[in-house]
Amino acid sequence: METVIKKTLLLLISISLFSFQLKEEEEEETYSLTITVNDLRNSEGVVQFAIYNTEGSIPDEKYKNYYKKEIAKIKSNTSTITFYDLPRGIYAVNVLHDENKNGKIDKKFLLPLPKEGVGFSNYESLGISNRPKFSKASFVVNTNTTKIIKIIYM
């Protein structure tokens, strides 16, 4: 009788461990994306970080097409944010140095240029022939990833 109970308990434990392992394998792996901006022209305001995962989603001047968006404080002209639980995929980053904390890209008087600093992954400069687009700004996230984005002031 005691042997039957021991065998039954051992069988139940084995089944439980096996089903737990199967559940873990079914869950999708996720990763983190840490984004840093350095050399901000001042420490006023905040930095708005937006990530995108769809072709054609940037440029996104009104911030309506993002996948995830976060705001971070500035310390010593630098700001960093980490997005967690991102599924494996293709992403692009848009960053705004929002000096007046209004959540939007303010334009210069009579010009379509931003008054505040902006940046995109894989971009060192912006211009008429170098407008932001998802295909150029995108990169693969299939491991925990860190990106440094250059902020561009016009």
N, C-alpha and C. Protein backbone atom coordinates (compact mmCIF):
# COMPACT_ATOMS: atom_id res chain seq x y z
N MET A 1 0.82 -1.19 0.00
CA MET A 1 0.00 0.00 0.00
C MET A 1 0.87 1.25 0.00
N GLU A 2 1.90 1.25 0.85
CA GLU A 2 2.80 2.40 0.94
C GLU A 2 3.53 2.62 -0.38
N THR A 3 3.90 1.56 -1.06
CA THR A 3 4.61 1.65 -2.33
C THR A 3 3.69 2.26 -3.40
N VAL A 4 2.42 1.89 -3.39
CA VAL A 4 1.46 2.44 -4.36
C VAL A 4 1.29 3.93 -4.13
N ILE A 5 1.23 4.38 -2.89
CA ILE A 5 1.10 5.81 -2.58
C ILE A 5 2.34 6.56 -3.03
N LYS A 6 3.51 5.98 -2.76
CA LYS A 6 4.76 6.63 -3.19
C LYS A 6 4.82 6.75 -4.71
N LYS A 7 4.46 5.69 -5.42
CA LYS A 7 4.48 5.71 -6.88
C LYS A 7 3.48 6.73 -7.43
N THR A 8 2.31 6.80 -6.80
CA THR A 8 1.28 7.75 -7.23
C THR A 8 1.76 9.18 -7.02
N LEU A 9 2.35 9.46 -5.86
CA LEU A 9 2.87 10.80 -5.59
C LEU A 9 3.98 11.16 -6.56
N LEU A 10 4.86 10.22 -6.84
CA LEU A 10 5.96 10.46 -7.78
C LEU A 10 5.41 10.74 -9.18
N LEU A 11 4.40 10.01 -9.58
CA LEU A 11 3.77 10.22 -10.89
C LEU A 11 3.12 11.61 -10.95
N LEU A 12 2.41 12.01 -9.91
CA LEU A 12 1.77 13.32 -9.87
C LEU A 12 2.79 14.46 -9.92
N ILE A 13 3.88 14.31 -9.21
CA ILE A 13 4.94 15.32 -9.22
C ILE A 13 5.56 15.42 -10.62
N SER A 14 5.80 14.29 -11.26
CA SER A 14 6.38 14.27 -12.60
C SER A 14 5.46 14.95 -13.61
N ILE A 15 4.17 14.67 -13.53
CA ILE A 15 3.19 15.28 -14.44
C ILE A 15 3.14 16.79 -14.21
N SER A 16 3.15 17.22 -12.97
CA SER A 16 3.12 18.65 -12.65
C SER A 16 4.36 19.36 -13.20
N LEU A 17 5.53 18.80 -13.00
CA LEU A 17 6.77 19.40 -13.50
C LEU A 17 6.77 19.46 -15.02
N PHE A 18 6.29 18.41 -15.69
CA PHE A 18 6.25 18.38 -17.14
C PHE A 18 5.29 19.43 -17.68
N SER A 19 4.11 19.57 -17.10
CA SER A 19 3.15 20.56 -17.58
C SER A 19 3.65 21.99 -17.32
N PHE A 20 4.36 22.21 -16.23
CA PHE A 20 4.94 23.53 -15.94
C PHE A 20 6.00 23.87 -16.99
N GLN A 21 6.81 22.89 -17.36
CA GLN A 21 7.84 23.10 -18.37
C GLN A 21 7.20 23.41 -19.72
N LEU A 22 6.15 22.71 -20.09
CA LEU A 22 5.45 22.98 -21.35
C LEU A 22 4.89 24.39 -21.36
N LYS A 23 4.32 24.83 -20.27
CA LYS A 23 3.74 26.17 -20.20
C LYS A 23 4.82 27.23 -20.39
N GLU A 24 5.99 27.01 -19.77
CA GLU A 24 7.10 27.96 -19.93
C GLU A 24 7.55 28.03 -21.38
N GLU A 25 7.60 26.90 -22.07
CA GLU A 25 8.03 26.89 -23.46
C GLU A 25 7.01 27.56 -24.36
N GLU A 26 5.73 27.50 -24.03
CA GLU A 26 4.68 28.13 -24.83
C GLU A 26 4.71 29.65 -24.71
N GLU A 27 5.16 30.18 -23.58
CA GLU A 27 5.19 31.62 -23.39
C GLU A 27 6.25 32.23 -24.30
N GLU A 28 5.88 33.35 -24.92
CA GLU A 28 6.79 34.03 -25.83
C GLU A 28 7.91 34.72 -25.06
N GLU A 29 9.11 34.60 -25.56
CA GLU A 29 10.23 35.29 -24.94
C GLU A 29 10.07 36.78 -25.16
N THR A 30 10.43 37.57 -24.16
CA THR A 30 10.38 39.02 -24.30
C THR A 30 11.74 39.60 -23.93
N TYR A 31 11.94 40.83 -24.36
CA TYR A 31 13.23 41.48 -24.20
C TYR A 31 13.03 42.90 -23.72
N SER A 32 14.13 43.52 -23.30
CA SER A 32 14.09 44.92 -22.91
C SER A 32 14.84 45.75 -23.95
N LEU A 33 14.43 47.01 -24.07
CA LEU A 33 15.10 47.96 -24.95
C LEU A 33 15.40 49.20 -24.11
N THR A 34 16.69 49.47 -23.90
CA THR A 34 17.12 50.64 -23.15
C THR A 34 17.58 51.69 -24.15
N ILE A 35 17.06 52.90 -23.98
CA ILE A 35 17.38 54.01 -24.89
C ILE A 35 17.96 55.15 -24.07
N THR A 36 19.09 55.67 -24.54
CA THR A 36 19.75 56.79 -23.87
C THR A 36 19.95 57.92 -24.86
N VAL A 37 19.75 59.15 -24.38
CA VAL A 37 20.12 60.35 -25.14
C VAL A 37 21.09 61.14 -24.29
N ASN A 38 22.17 61.58 -24.91
CA ASN A 38 23.21 62.37 -24.26
C ASN A 38 23.27 63.74 -24.93
N ASP A 39 24.00 64.63 -24.33
CA ASP A 39 24.29 65.94 -24.94
C ASP A 39 23.04 66.75 -25.26
N LEU A 40 22.03 66.66 -24.40
CA LEU A 40 20.88 67.55 -24.56
C LEU A 40 21.37 68.97 -24.31
N ARG A 41 20.75 69.94 -24.97
CA ARG A 41 21.27 71.31 -24.84
C ARG A 41 21.03 71.92 -23.47
N ASN A 42 20.13 71.32 -22.70
CA ASN A 42 19.90 71.75 -21.33
C ASN A 42 19.18 70.62 -20.59
N SER A 43 18.90 70.83 -19.32
CA SER A 43 18.18 69.83 -18.53
C SER A 43 16.74 70.27 -18.25
N GLU A 44 16.22 71.16 -19.06
CA GLU A 44 14.85 71.63 -18.90
C GLU A 44 13.87 70.64 -19.51
N GLY A 45 12.69 70.55 -18.91
CA GLY A 45 11.64 69.70 -19.46
C GLY A 45 11.86 68.24 -19.18
N VAL A 46 11.42 67.43 -20.15
CA VAL A 46 11.51 65.97 -20.06
C VAL A 46 11.90 65.44 -21.44
N VAL A 47 12.17 64.14 -21.49
CA VAL A 47 12.41 63.50 -22.77
C VAL A 47 11.29 62.49 -22.99
N GLN A 48 10.70 62.56 -24.17
CA GLN A 48 9.63 61.64 -24.55
C GLN A 48 10.22 60.60 -25.50
N PHE A 49 10.10 59.34 -25.12
CA PHE A 49 10.61 58.23 -25.90
C PHE A 49 9.42 57.47 -26.48
N ALA A 50 9.39 57.28 -27.78
CA ALA A 50 8.33 56.49 -28.41
C ALA A 50 8.98 55.41 -29.26
N ILE A 51 8.44 54.20 -29.17
CA ILE A 51 8.92 53.12 -30.02
C ILE A 51 7.80 52.68 -30.95
N TYR A 52 8.19 52.25 -32.13
CA TYR A 52 7.27 51.88 -33.20
C TYR A 52 7.61 50.49 -33.69
N ASN A 53 6.59 49.77 -34.18
CA ASN A 53 6.83 48.42 -34.68
C ASN A 53 6.09 48.14 -35.98
N THR A 54 5.71 49.21 -36.71
CA THR A 54 4.94 49.05 -37.93
C THR A 54 5.51 49.93 -39.04
N GLU A 55 5.69 49.35 -40.20
CA GLU A 55 6.14 50.10 -41.37
C GLU A 55 5.19 51.26 -41.63
N GLY A 56 5.73 52.42 -41.93
CA GLY A 56 4.91 53.60 -42.21
C GLY A 56 4.46 54.36 -40.97
N SER A 57 4.88 53.93 -39.80
CA SER A 57 4.41 54.58 -38.56
C SER A 57 5.18 55.85 -38.22
N ILE A 58 6.35 56.07 -38.83
CA ILE A 58 7.07 57.32 -38.63
C ILE A 58 7.40 57.91 -39.99
N PRO A 59 7.43 59.25 -40.07
CA PRO A 59 7.36 60.22 -38.96
C PRO A 59 5.97 60.24 -38.33
N ASP A 60 5.92 60.65 -37.08
CA ASP A 60 4.69 60.65 -36.29
C ASP A 60 4.64 61.91 -35.44
N GLU A 61 4.51 63.07 -36.08
CA GLU A 61 4.59 64.35 -35.39
C GLU A 61 3.56 64.53 -34.28
N LYS A 62 2.41 63.90 -34.40
CA LYS A 62 1.35 64.07 -33.40
C LYS A 62 1.31 62.89 -32.41
N TYR A 63 2.26 62.00 -32.51
CA TYR A 63 2.37 60.84 -31.61
C TYR A 63 1.07 60.06 -31.51
N LYS A 64 0.63 59.54 -32.66
CA LYS A 64 -0.60 58.73 -32.71
C LYS A 64 -0.33 57.30 -33.15
N ASN A 65 0.86 57.01 -33.67
CA ASN A 65 1.14 55.70 -34.27
C ASN A 65 2.10 54.84 -33.46
N TYR A 66 2.49 55.28 -32.29
CA TYR A 66 3.51 54.55 -31.54
C TYR A 66 2.98 53.24 -30.97
N TYR A 67 3.93 52.34 -30.70
CA TYR A 67 3.63 51.07 -30.04
C TYR A 67 3.63 51.27 -28.53
N LYS A 68 4.68 51.94 -28.02
CA LYS A 68 4.76 52.29 -26.60
C LYS A 68 5.44 53.65 -26.49
N LYS A 69 5.05 54.39 -25.45
CA LYS A 69 5.63 55.71 -25.24
C LYS A 69 5.84 55.92 -23.74
N GLU A 70 6.98 56.52 -23.39
CA GLU A 70 7.30 56.81 -22.00
C GLU A 70 7.96 58.18 -21.92
N ILE A 71 7.88 58.79 -20.74
CA ILE A 71 8.51 60.08 -20.50
C ILE A 71 9.51 59.89 -19.36
N ALA A 72 10.69 60.52 -19.52
CA ALA A 72 11.73 60.38 -18.51
C ALA A 72 12.30 61.75 -18.16
N LYS A 73 12.79 61.83 -16.94
CA LYS A 73 13.43 63.07 -16.47
C LYS A 73 14.81 63.19 -17.09
N ILE A 74 15.34 64.40 -16.99
CA ILE A 74 16.68 64.69 -17.50
C ILE A 74 17.58 64.98 -16.32
N LYS A 75 18.77 64.39 -16.36
CA LYS A 75 19.76 64.67 -15.32
C LYS A 75 21.10 64.90 -16.02
N SER A 76 21.68 66.06 -15.77
CA SER A 76 22.97 66.42 -16.37
C SER A 76 22.95 66.27 -17.89
N ASN A 77 21.90 66.76 -18.51
CA ASN A 77 21.74 66.78 -19.98
C ASN A 77 21.69 65.38 -20.61
N THR A 78 21.26 64.39 -19.82
CA THR A 78 21.15 63.01 -20.27
C THR A 78 19.85 62.42 -19.77
N SER A 79 19.28 61.51 -20.56
CA SER A 79 18.05 60.83 -20.14
C SER A 79 18.07 59.39 -20.67
N THR A 80 17.52 58.49 -19.86
CA THR A 80 17.48 57.07 -20.22
C THR A 80 16.14 56.48 -19.83
N ILE A 81 15.67 55.55 -20.65
CA ILE A 81 14.43 54.83 -20.35
C ILE A 81 14.62 53.38 -20.78
N THR A 82 13.93 52.47 -20.13
CA THR A 82 13.93 51.06 -20.55
C THR A 82 12.50 50.61 -20.76
N PHE A 83 12.24 50.05 -21.93
CA PHE A 83 10.97 49.41 -22.25
C PHE A 83 11.16 47.92 -22.00
N TYR A 84 10.24 47.33 -21.25
CA TYR A 84 10.34 45.92 -20.89
C TYR A 84 9.27 45.11 -21.63
N ASP A 85 9.46 43.80 -21.63
CA ASP A 85 8.48 42.85 -22.16
C ASP A 85 8.15 43.08 -23.63
N LEU A 86 9.16 43.39 -24.42
CA LEU A 86 8.95 43.55 -25.86
C LEU A 86 9.10 42.20 -26.54
N PRO A 87 8.14 41.81 -27.36
CA PRO A 87 8.33 40.57 -28.12
C PRO A 87 9.40 40.75 -29.18
N ARG A 88 9.99 39.66 -29.59
CA ARG A 88 10.97 39.69 -30.67
C ARG A 88 10.33 40.40 -31.85
N GLY A 89 11.07 41.33 -32.47
CA GLY A 89 10.51 42.03 -33.62
C GLY A 89 11.38 43.16 -34.10
N ILE A 90 10.81 43.93 -35.01
CA ILE A 90 11.50 45.07 -35.61
C ILE A 90 10.91 46.34 -35.00
N TYR A 91 11.78 47.23 -34.51
CA TYR A 91 11.36 48.44 -33.84
C TYR A 91 12.12 49.65 -34.39
N ALA A 92 11.56 50.82 -34.17
CA ALA A 92 12.22 52.09 -34.46
C ALA A 92 11.94 53.01 -33.28
N VAL A 93 12.85 53.98 -33.06
CA VAL A 93 12.74 54.87 -31.91
C VAL A 93 12.62 56.32 -32.38
N ASN A 94 11.74 57.07 -31.72
CA ASN A 94 11.61 58.51 -31.92
C ASN A 94 11.74 59.14 -30.54
N VAL A 95 12.59 60.17 -30.43
CA VAL A 95 12.82 60.82 -29.15
C VAL A 95 12.59 62.32 -29.32
N LEU A 96 11.95 62.92 -28.32
CA LEU A 96 11.70 64.37 -28.31
C LEU A 96 12.22 64.95 -27.00
N HIS A 97 13.08 65.97 -27.09
CA HIS A 97 13.47 66.74 -25.91
C HIS A 97 12.37 67.78 -25.73
N ASP A 98 11.39 67.43 -24.92
CA ASP A 98 10.19 68.26 -24.73
C ASP A 98 10.47 69.30 -23.63
N GLU A 99 11.11 70.38 -24.03
CA GLU A 99 11.56 71.38 -23.06
C GLU A 99 10.41 72.05 -22.31
N ASN A 100 9.25 72.21 -22.96
CA ASN A 100 8.13 72.86 -22.29
C ASN A 100 7.07 71.86 -21.79
N LYS A 101 7.36 70.59 -21.88
CA LYS A 101 6.51 69.51 -21.34
C LYS A 101 5.09 69.52 -21.88
N ASN A 102 4.90 69.87 -23.15
CA ASN A 102 3.54 69.86 -23.69
C ASN A 102 3.23 68.61 -24.52
N GLY A 103 4.19 67.70 -24.64
CA GLY A 103 3.95 66.42 -25.30
C GLY A 103 3.89 66.46 -26.80
N LYS A 104 4.29 67.56 -27.41
CA LYS A 104 4.24 67.63 -28.87
C LYS A 104 5.49 68.33 -29.41
N ILE A 105 5.71 68.15 -30.70
CA ILE A 105 6.85 68.78 -31.36
C ILE A 105 6.45 70.20 -31.74
N ASP A 106 7.02 71.17 -31.05
CA ASP A 106 6.75 72.57 -31.36
C ASP A 106 7.58 72.99 -32.56
N LYS A 107 6.97 73.82 -33.42
CA LYS A 107 7.64 74.27 -34.65
C LYS A 107 8.12 75.71 -34.51
N LYS A 108 9.15 76.02 -35.28
CA LYS A 108 9.65 77.39 -35.33
C LYS A 108 8.64 78.26 -36.06
N PHE A 109 8.59 79.53 -35.69
CA PHE A 109 7.65 80.47 -36.29
C PHE A 109 7.88 80.53 -37.80
N LEU A 110 6.84 80.28 -38.58
CA LEU A 110 6.83 80.32 -40.04
C LEU A 110 7.71 79.26 -40.71
N LEU A 111 8.26 78.35 -39.96
CA LEU A 111 9.08 77.28 -40.54
C LEU A 111 8.57 75.93 -40.04
N PRO A 112 8.66 74.91 -40.89
CA PRO A 112 8.20 73.58 -40.45
C PRO A 112 9.24 72.81 -39.65
N LEU A 113 10.25 73.49 -39.12
CA LEU A 113 11.32 72.83 -38.37
C LEU A 113 11.00 72.81 -36.87
N PRO A 114 11.40 71.74 -36.20
CA PRO A 114 11.14 71.67 -34.75
C PRO A 114 12.00 72.67 -33.97
N LYS A 115 11.37 73.28 -32.94
CA LYS A 115 12.11 74.18 -32.03
C LYS A 115 12.89 73.38 -31.00
N GLU A 116 12.37 72.21 -30.66
CA GLU A 116 12.99 71.37 -29.65
C GLU A 116 13.77 70.25 -30.35
N GLY A 117 14.62 69.59 -29.60
CA GLY A 117 15.43 68.52 -30.17
C GLY A 117 14.63 67.26 -30.44
N VAL A 118 14.94 66.60 -31.54
CA VAL A 118 14.31 65.33 -31.91
C VAL A 118 15.42 64.36 -32.32
N GLY A 119 15.11 63.09 -32.25
CA GLY A 119 16.06 62.08 -32.69
C GLY A 119 15.35 60.80 -33.10
N PHE A 120 15.99 60.04 -33.96
CA PHE A 120 15.46 58.78 -34.45
C PHE A 120 16.59 57.75 -34.45
N SER A 121 16.25 56.51 -34.18
CA SER A 121 17.26 55.46 -34.25
C SER A 121 17.84 55.43 -35.66
N ASN A 122 19.16 55.21 -35.72
CA ASN A 122 19.91 55.11 -36.97
C ASN A 122 20.03 56.42 -37.75
N TYR A 123 19.73 57.56 -37.13
CA TYR A 123 19.86 58.86 -37.78
C TYR A 123 20.86 59.73 -37.03
N GLU A 124 21.78 60.30 -37.76
CA GLU A 124 22.73 61.26 -37.20
C GLU A 124 22.35 62.69 -37.58
N SER A 125 21.54 62.83 -38.63
CA SER A 125 21.09 64.15 -39.09
C SER A 125 19.73 64.00 -39.76
N LEU A 126 19.06 65.12 -39.92
CA LEU A 126 17.76 65.17 -40.59
C LEU A 126 17.79 66.28 -41.63
N GLY A 127 17.05 66.12 -42.68
CA GLY A 127 16.97 67.14 -43.72
C GLY A 127 15.95 66.74 -44.76
N ILE A 128 15.81 67.56 -45.77
CA ILE A 128 14.82 67.29 -46.83
C ILE A 128 15.11 65.96 -47.50
N SER A 129 16.37 65.65 -47.73
CA SER A 129 16.71 64.39 -48.38
C SER A 129 16.93 63.26 -47.37
N ASN A 130 16.79 63.54 -46.10
CA ASN A 130 17.01 62.55 -45.05
C ASN A 130 15.89 62.59 -44.02
N ARG A 131 14.67 62.49 -44.52
CA ARG A 131 13.50 62.50 -43.64
C ARG A 131 13.37 61.14 -42.93
N PRO A 132 12.86 61.17 -41.70
CA PRO A 132 12.73 59.90 -40.98
C PRO A 132 11.72 58.96 -41.63
N LYS A 133 12.09 57.69 -41.70
CA LYS A 133 11.16 56.66 -42.15
C LYS A 133 11.48 55.37 -41.42
N PHE A 134 10.48 54.57 -41.25
CA PHE A 134 10.60 53.35 -40.46
C PHE A 134 11.67 52.42 -41.01
N SER A 135 11.72 52.26 -42.31
CA SER A 135 12.67 51.30 -42.88
C SER A 135 14.12 51.65 -42.55
N LYS A 136 14.46 52.92 -42.49
CA LYS A 136 15.83 53.31 -42.15
C LYS A 136 16.06 53.31 -40.63
N ALA A 137 15.05 53.69 -39.86
CA ALA A 137 15.19 53.81 -38.40
C ALA A 137 15.07 52.47 -37.69
N SER A 138 14.60 51.45 -38.36
CA SER A 138 14.28 50.19 -37.68
C SER A 138 15.51 49.32 -37.42
N PHE A 139 15.35 48.45 -36.43
CA PHE A 139 16.37 47.49 -36.02
C PHE A 139 15.68 46.32 -35.36
N VAL A 140 16.36 45.20 -35.29
CA VAL A 140 15.79 43.97 -34.73
C VAL A 140 16.04 43.92 -33.23
N VAL A 141 15.01 43.54 -32.49
CA VAL A 141 15.14 43.25 -31.06
C VAL A 141 14.89 41.76 -30.90
N ASN A 142 15.97 41.02 -30.62
CA ASN A 142 15.84 39.60 -30.36
C ASN A 142 16.72 39.19 -29.17
N THR A 143 17.14 40.21 -28.43
CA THR A 143 17.89 40.06 -27.20
C THR A 143 17.72 41.38 -26.44
N ASN A 144 18.09 41.45 -25.19
CA ASN A 144 18.04 42.73 -24.49
C ASN A 144 18.97 43.69 -25.23
N THR A 145 18.46 44.86 -25.57
CA THR A 145 19.14 45.77 -26.48
C THR A 145 19.28 47.16 -25.87
N THR A 146 20.38 47.84 -26.20
CA THR A 146 20.61 49.22 -25.78
C THR A 146 20.89 50.05 -27.02
N LYS A 147 20.24 51.22 -27.11
CA LYS A 147 20.44 52.15 -28.22
C LYS A 147 20.76 53.52 -27.67
N ILE A 148 21.72 54.20 -28.28
CA ILE A 148 22.00 55.60 -27.97
C ILE A 148 21.50 56.40 -29.17
N ILE A 149 20.62 57.35 -28.90
CA ILE A 149 20.00 58.16 -29.95
C ILE A 149 20.58 59.56 -29.90
N LYS A 150 20.96 60.06 -31.06
CA LYS A 150 21.47 61.42 -31.15
C LYS A 150 20.29 62.39 -31.26
N ILE A 151 20.28 63.40 -30.39
CA ILE A 151 19.25 64.44 -30.45
C ILE A 151 19.75 65.52 -31.41
N ILE A 152 18.88 65.92 -32.30
CA ILE A 152 19.21 66.89 -33.34
C ILE A 152 18.42 68.17 -33.08
N TYR A 153 19.11 69.27 -32.98
CA TYR A 153 18.48 70.59 -32.82
C TYR A 153 18.65 71.33 -34.15
N MET A 154 17.58 71.91 -34.63
CA MET A 154 17.64 72.61 -35.92
C MET A 154 17.63 74.11 -35.74
